[in-house]
């Protein structure tokens, strides 16, 4: 279920994406359209976006993403990458979405470049919750209509509107 809420401590809308047992936060300021030349630059931009949106240490986030990437590419295939890491001090999983201005090689299993990157950070002890969040993101972007809508969005406002009103991907459109 996707529910925008307004946390009293921040006074801003938040997308809480909950699919099956997955639950992760995606703030509107964690969504961006960016230009990147390569995988390293994508990870750096993703770390910056995650750190700024969730008040995290950029270097720690980047290190976590890079360490995970050393284990094998998080290029999901079909134009999508899902870089992820576990970070000390987080209370719940958080995400960021980057739409790339041009496709970039990400060493994906299918050899296709990526144009949509969804980063996920989970608490270091998240265990199954981290895997459920990854699976939920995977299901969301595997839906061709959802992928086309996200990659076809012309600006950040359109991306955030899509995240609020996604249909056909198992996300409840409850806007309250």
C-alpha atoms as a PDB file:
ATOM      1  CA  UNK A   1       0.000   0.000   0.000  1.00  0.00           C
ATOM      2  CA  UNK A   2       1.328   3.446  -0.842  1.00  0.00           C
ATOM      3  CA  UNK A   3       0.247   6.042   1.667  1.00  0.00           C
ATOM      4  CA  UNK A   4       1.441   9.645   1.681  1.00  0.00           C
ATOM      5  CA  UNK A   5       1.498  10.830   5.253  1.00  0.00           C
ATOM      6  CA  UNK A   6       2.586  14.017   6.938  1.00  0.00           C
ATOM      7  CA  UNK A   7       4.897  13.331   9.870  1.00  0.00           C
ATOM      8  CA  UNK A   8       4.377  16.046  12.491  1.00  0.00           C
ATOM      9  CA  UNK A   9       8.108  16.453  13.123  1.00  0.00           C
ATOM     10  CA  UNK A  10       8.850  17.336   9.500  1.00  0.00           C
ATOM     11  CA  UNK A  11       5.562  18.745   8.178  1.00  0.00           C
ATOM     12  CA  UNK A  12       6.074  17.175   4.742  1.00  0.00           C
ATOM     13  CA  UNK A  13       4.498  14.420   2.714  1.00  0.00           C
ATOM     14  CA  UNK A  14       6.058  10.992   2.854  1.00  0.00           C
ATOM     15  CA  UNK A  15       5.397   8.007   0.629  1.00  0.00           C
ATOM     16  CA  UNK A  16       5.202   4.880   2.729  1.00  0.00           C
ATOM     17  CA  UNK A  17       5.352   1.990   0.334  1.00  0.00           C
ATOM     18  CA  UNK A  18       4.043  -1.225   1.756  1.00  0.00           C
ATOM     19  CA  UNK A  19       3.704  -4.277  -0.434  1.00  0.00           C
ATOM     20  CA  UNK A  20       2.920  -7.532   1.280  1.00  0.00           C
ATOM     21  CA  UNK A  21       5.307  -7.590   4.272  1.00  0.00           C
ATOM     22  CA  UNK A  22       7.619  -4.871   2.953  1.00  0.00           C
ATOM     23  CA  UNK A  23       7.563  -1.413   4.421  1.00  0.00           C
ATOM     24  CA  UNK A  24       9.957   1.337   3.440  1.00  0.00           C
ATOM     25  CA  UNK A  25       9.887   5.104   3.366  1.00  0.00           C
ATOM     26  CA  UNK A  26      10.330   7.106   0.171  1.00  0.00           C
ATOM     27  CA  UNK A  27      10.358  10.858   0.766  1.00  0.00           C
ATOM     28  CA  UNK A  28       9.549  13.128  -2.202  1.00  0.00           C
ATOM     29  CA  UNK A  29      12.985  14.748  -1.847  1.00  0.00           C
ATOM     30  CA  UNK A  30      14.524  11.299  -2.353  1.00  0.00           C
ATOM     31  CA  UNK A  31      13.237  11.311  -5.944  1.00  0.00           C
ATOM     32  CA  UNK A  32      15.280  12.958  -8.711  1.00  0.00           C
ATOM     33  CA  UNK A  33      16.110  13.046 -12.392  1.00  0.00           C
ATOM     34  CA  UNK A  34      19.889  13.052 -12.816  1.00  0.00           C
ATOM     35  CA  UNK A  35      22.608  12.793 -15.396  1.00  0.00           C
ATOM     36  CA  UNK A  36      25.373  10.276 -14.771  1.00  0.00           C
ATOM     37  CA  UNK A  37      28.259   9.036 -16.882  1.00  0.00           C
ATOM     38  CA  UNK A  38      28.877   5.682 -15.214  1.00  0.00           C
ATOM     39  CA  UNK A  39      27.999   3.288 -12.424  1.00  0.00           C
ATOM     40  CA  UNK A  40      30.348   4.964  -9.921  1.00  0.00           C
ATOM     41  CA  UNK A  41      28.700   8.331 -10.492  1.00  0.00           C
ATOM     42  CA  UNK A  42      25.238   6.781 -10.125  1.00  0.00           C
ATOM     43  CA  UNK A  43      26.205   5.292  -6.747  1.00  0.00           C
ATOM     44  CA  UNK A  44      27.645   8.654  -5.635  1.00  0.00           C
ATOM     45  CA  UNK A  45      24.483  10.524  -6.693  1.00  0.00           C
ATOM     46  CA  UNK A  46      22.317   7.900  -5.001  1.00  0.00           C
ATOM     47  CA  UNK A  47      24.352   8.179  -1.771  1.00  0.00           C
ATOM     48  CA  UNK A  48      24.004  11.974  -1.868  1.00  0.00           C
ATOM     49  CA  UNK A  49      20.236  11.758  -2.398  1.00  0.00           C
ATOM     50  CA  UNK A  50      19.742   9.177   0.366  1.00  0.00           C
ATOM     51  CA  UNK A  51      21.982  11.080   2.795  1.00  0.00           C
ATOM     52  CA  UNK A  52      20.284  14.423   2.164  1.00  0.00           C
ATOM     53  CA  UNK A  53      16.726  13.066   2.294  1.00  0.00           C
ATOM     54  CA  UNK A  54      17.178  10.990   5.449  1.00  0.00           C
ATOM     55  CA  UNK A  55      19.906  12.915   7.327  1.00  0.00           C
ATOM     56  CA  UNK A  56      22.499  10.158   6.920  1.00  0.00           C
ATOM     57  CA  UNK A  57      26.254  10.281   6.482  1.00  0.00           C
ATOM     58  CA  UNK A  58      26.944  10.375   2.726  1.00  0.00           C
ATOM     59  CA  UNK A  59      30.296   8.596   2.996  1.00  0.00           C
ATOM     60  CA  UNK A  60      28.832   5.770   5.090  1.00  0.00           C
ATOM     61  CA  UNK A  61      25.966   5.338   2.622  1.00  0.00           C
ATOM     62  CA  UNK A  62      28.314   5.343  -0.372  1.00  0.00           C
ATOM     63  CA  UNK A  63      30.646   2.866   1.320  1.00  0.00           C
ATOM     64  CA  UNK A  64      27.720   0.526   2.045  1.00  0.00           C
ATOM     65  CA  UNK A  65      26.450   0.723  -1.538  1.00  0.00           C
ATOM     66  CA  UNK A  66      29.928   0.162  -2.985  1.00  0.00           C
ATOM     67  CA  UNK A  67      30.639  -2.765  -0.653  1.00  0.00           C
ATOM     68  CA  UNK A  68      27.395  -4.458  -1.696  1.00  0.00           C
ATOM     69  CA  UNK A  69      28.162  -3.779  -5.363  1.00  0.00           C
ATOM     70  CA  UNK A  70      31.525  -5.577  -4.978  1.00  0.00           C
ATOM     71  CA  UNK A  71      29.598  -8.774  -4.206  1.00  0.00           C
ATOM     72  CA  UNK A  72      27.884  -8.566  -7.597  1.00  0.00           C
ATOM     73  CA  UNK A  73      26.031  -6.036  -9.658  1.00  0.00           C
ATOM     74  CA  UNK A  74      22.678  -4.868  -8.359  1.00  0.00           C
ATOM     75  CA  UNK A  75      21.671  -4.250 -11.965  1.00  0.00           C
ATOM     76  CA  UNK A  76      18.291  -5.961 -11.848  1.00  0.00           C
ATOM     77  CA  UNK A  77      17.887  -6.095 -15.613  1.00  0.00           C
ATOM     78  CA  UNK A  78      15.379  -4.628 -18.037  1.00  0.00           C
ATOM     79  CA  UNK A  79      16.755  -1.118 -17.485  1.00  0.00           C
ATOM     80  CA  UNK A  80      16.576  -1.140 -13.667  1.00  0.00           C
ATOM     81  CA  UNK A  81      19.204  -1.206 -10.915  1.00  0.00           C
ATOM     82  CA  UNK A  82      18.411  -1.682  -7.235  1.00  0.00           C
ATOM     83  CA  UNK A  83      21.557  -0.783  -5.269  1.00  0.00           C
ATOM     84  CA  UNK A  84      21.081  -1.591  -1.603  1.00  0.00           C
ATOM     85  CA  UNK A  85      22.920  -1.775   1.682  1.00  0.00           C
ATOM     86  CA  UNK A  86      22.401  -2.231   5.387  1.00  0.00           C
ATOM     87  CA  UNK A  87      23.375   0.744   7.525  1.00  0.00           C
ATOM     88  CA  UNK A  88      23.885   1.032  11.281  1.00  0.00           C
ATOM     89  CA  UNK A  89      21.520   3.388  13.075  1.00  0.00           C
ATOM     90  CA  UNK A  90      18.521   3.212  10.739  1.00  0.00           C
ATOM     91  CA  UNK A  91      15.205   2.429  12.391  1.00  0.00           C
ATOM     92  CA  UNK A  92      13.392   1.349   9.200  1.00  0.00           C
ATOM     93  CA  UNK A  93      14.154   0.841   5.492  1.00  0.00           C
ATOM     94  CA  UNK A  94      14.361   3.970   3.329  1.00  0.00           C
ATOM     95  CA  UNK A  95      14.559   4.371  -0.426  1.00  0.00           C
ATOM     96  CA  UNK A  96      15.434   6.819  -3.178  1.00  0.00           C
ATOM     97  CA  UNK A  97      14.507   6.795  -6.845  1.00  0.00           C
ATOM     98  CA  UNK A  98      16.726   8.205  -9.583  1.00  0.00           C
ATOM     99  CA  UNK A  99      15.538   8.461 -13.154  1.00  0.00           C
ATOM    100  CA  UNK A 100      18.588   8.793 -15.391  1.00  0.00           C
ATOM    101  CA  UNK A 101      18.615  11.342 -18.205  1.00  0.00           C
ATOM    102  CA  UNK A 102      20.402   8.800 -20.409  1.00  0.00           C
ATOM    103  CA  UNK A 103      20.890   5.065 -19.998  1.00  0.00           C
ATOM    104  CA  UNK A 104      24.129   3.967 -18.312  1.00  0.00           C
ATOM    105  CA  UNK A 105      25.946   0.620 -18.223  1.00  0.00           C
ATOM    106  CA  UNK A 106      25.499  -0.933 -14.768  1.00  0.00           C
ATOM    107  CA  UNK A 107      26.912  -4.412 -15.422  1.00  0.00           C
ATOM    108  CA  UNK A 108      23.387  -5.810 -15.295  1.00  0.00           C
ATOM    109  CA  UNK A 109      22.881  -9.540 -15.702  1.00  0.00           C
ATOM    110  CA  UNK A 110      21.061  -8.980 -19.003  1.00  0.00           C
ATOM    111  CA  UNK A 111      23.775  -6.638 -20.288  1.00  0.00           C
ATOM    112  CA  UNK A 112      21.256  -3.817 -20.781  1.00  0.00           C
ATOM    113  CA  UNK A 113      22.019  -0.296 -19.558  1.00  0.00           C
ATOM    114  CA  UNK A 114      19.841   1.155 -16.791  1.00  0.00           C
ATOM    115  CA  UNK A 115      17.692   4.256 -16.797  1.00  0.00           C
ATOM    116  CA  UNK A 116      15.898   3.752 -13.485  1.00  0.00           C
ATOM    117  CA  UNK A 117      17.722   3.306 -10.158  1.00  0.00           C
ATOM    118  CA  UNK A 118      15.970   2.588  -6.883  1.00  0.00           C
ATOM    119  CA  UNK A 119      18.255   2.588  -3.876  1.00  0.00           C
ATOM    120  CA  UNK A 120      17.316   0.882  -0.623  1.00  0.00           C
ATOM    121  CA  UNK A 121      18.924   1.226   2.783  1.00  0.00           C
ATOM    122  CA  UNK A 122      17.843  -0.973   5.660  1.00  0.00           C
ATOM    123  CA  UNK A 123      18.878  -1.244   9.287  1.00  0.00           C
ATOM    124  CA  UNK A 124      21.890  -3.509   9.731  1.00  0.00           C
ATOM    125  CA  UNK A 125      19.717  -6.023  11.608  1.00  0.00           C
ATOM    126  CA  UNK A 126      16.754  -5.874   9.181  1.00  0.00           C
ATOM    127  CA  UNK A 127      17.164  -9.461   7.983  1.00  0.00           C
ATOM    128  CA  UNK A 128      14.002 -10.634   6.272  1.00  0.00           C
ATOM    129  CA  UNK A 129      12.530  -7.096   6.206  1.00  0.00           C
ATOM    130  CA  UNK A 130      15.360  -6.038   3.884  1.00  0.00           C
ATOM    131  CA  UNK A 131      14.666  -8.979   1.567  1.00  0.00           C
ATOM    132  CA  UNK A 132      10.927  -8.258   1.562  1.00  0.00           C
ATOM    133  CA  UNK A 133      11.589  -4.618   0.656  1.00  0.00           C
ATOM    134  CA  UNK A 134      13.883  -5.686  -2.201  1.00  0.00           C
ATOM    135  CA  UNK A 135      11.247  -8.108  -3.448  1.00  0.00           C
ATOM    136  CA  UNK A 136       8.558  -5.411  -3.283  1.00  0.00           C
ATOM    137  CA  UNK A 137      10.707  -3.011  -5.311  1.00  0.00           C
ATOM    138  CA  UNK A 138      11.442  -5.790  -7.782  1.00  0.00           C
ATOM    139  CA  UNK A 139       7.738  -6.546  -8.248  1.00  0.00           C
ATOM    140  CA  UNK A 140       6.949  -2.858  -8.685  1.00  0.00           C
ATOM    141  CA  UNK A 141       9.505  -2.244 -11.449  1.00  0.00           C
ATOM    142  CA  UNK A 142       8.981  -5.604 -13.125  1.00  0.00           C
ATOM    143  CA  UNK A 143       5.504  -4.406 -14.085  1.00  0.00           C
ATOM    144  CA  UNK A 144       6.025  -3.046 -17.613  1.00  0.00           C
ATOM    145  CA  UNK A 145       3.338  -0.354 -17.323  1.00  0.00           C
ATOM    146  CA  UNK A 146       4.845   0.924 -14.077  1.00  0.00           C
ATOM    147  CA  UNK A 147       8.359   0.918 -15.511  1.00  0.00           C
ATOM    148  CA  UNK A 148       7.217   2.753 -18.655  1.00  0.00           C
ATOM    149  CA  UNK A 149       5.319   5.319 -16.600  1.00  0.00           C
ATOM    150  CA  UNK A 150       8.299   5.999 -14.332  1.00  0.00           C
ATOM    151  CA  UNK A 151      10.836   6.223 -17.149  1.00  0.00           C
ATOM    152  CA  UNK A 152       8.444   8.329 -19.213  1.00  0.00           C
ATOM    153  CA  UNK A 153       7.928  10.945 -16.485  1.00  0.00           C
ATOM    154  CA  UNK A 154       9.232  14.346 -17.588  1.00  0.00           C
ATOM    155  CA  UNK A 155       9.942  15.857 -14.186  1.00  0.00           C
ATOM    156  CA  UNK A 156      10.220  15.098 -10.478  1.00  0.00           C
ATOM    157  CA  UNK A 157       6.655  16.245  -9.815  1.00  0.00           C
ATOM    158  CA  UNK A 158       5.389  13.685 -12.336  1.00  0.00           C
ATOM    159  CA  UNK A 159       7.515  10.955 -10.715  1.00  0.00           C
ATOM    160  CA  UNK A 160       6.123  11.782  -7.278  1.00  0.00           C
ATOM    161  CA  UNK A 161       2.581  11.847  -8.647  1.00  0.00           C
ATOM    162  CA  UNK A 162       3.141   8.400 -10.156  1.00  0.00           C
ATOM    163  CA  UNK A 163       4.496   7.069  -6.882  1.00  0.00           C
ATOM    164  CA  UNK A 164       1.395   8.395  -5.149  1.00  0.00           C
ATOM    165  CA  UNK A 165      -1.036   7.095  -7.756  1.00  0.00           C
ATOM    166  CA  UNK A 166       0.547   3.922  -9.117  1.00  0.00           C
ATOM    167  CA  UNK A 167      -1.955   1.384 -10.353  1.00  0.00           C
ATOM    168  CA  UNK A 168      -1.503  -2.061 -11.798  1.00  0.00           C
ATOM    169  CA  UNK A 169       1.549  -2.856  -9.657  1.00  0.00           C
ATOM    170  CA  UNK A 170      -0.086  -4.031  -6.445  1.00  0.00           C
ATOM    171  CA  UNK A 171       0.196  -0.641  -4.784  1.00  0.00           C
ATOM    172  CA  UNK A 172      -2.938   0.661  -3.151  1.00  0.00           C
ATOM    173  CA  UNK A 173      -3.777   4.159  -4.422  1.00  0.00           C
ATOM    174  CA  UNK A 174      -5.019   5.311  -1.017  1.00  0.00           C
ATOM    175  CA  UNK A 175      -3.928   8.965  -0.903  1.00  0.00           C
ATOM    176  CA  UNK A 176      -5.174   9.704   2.595  1.00  0.00           C
END
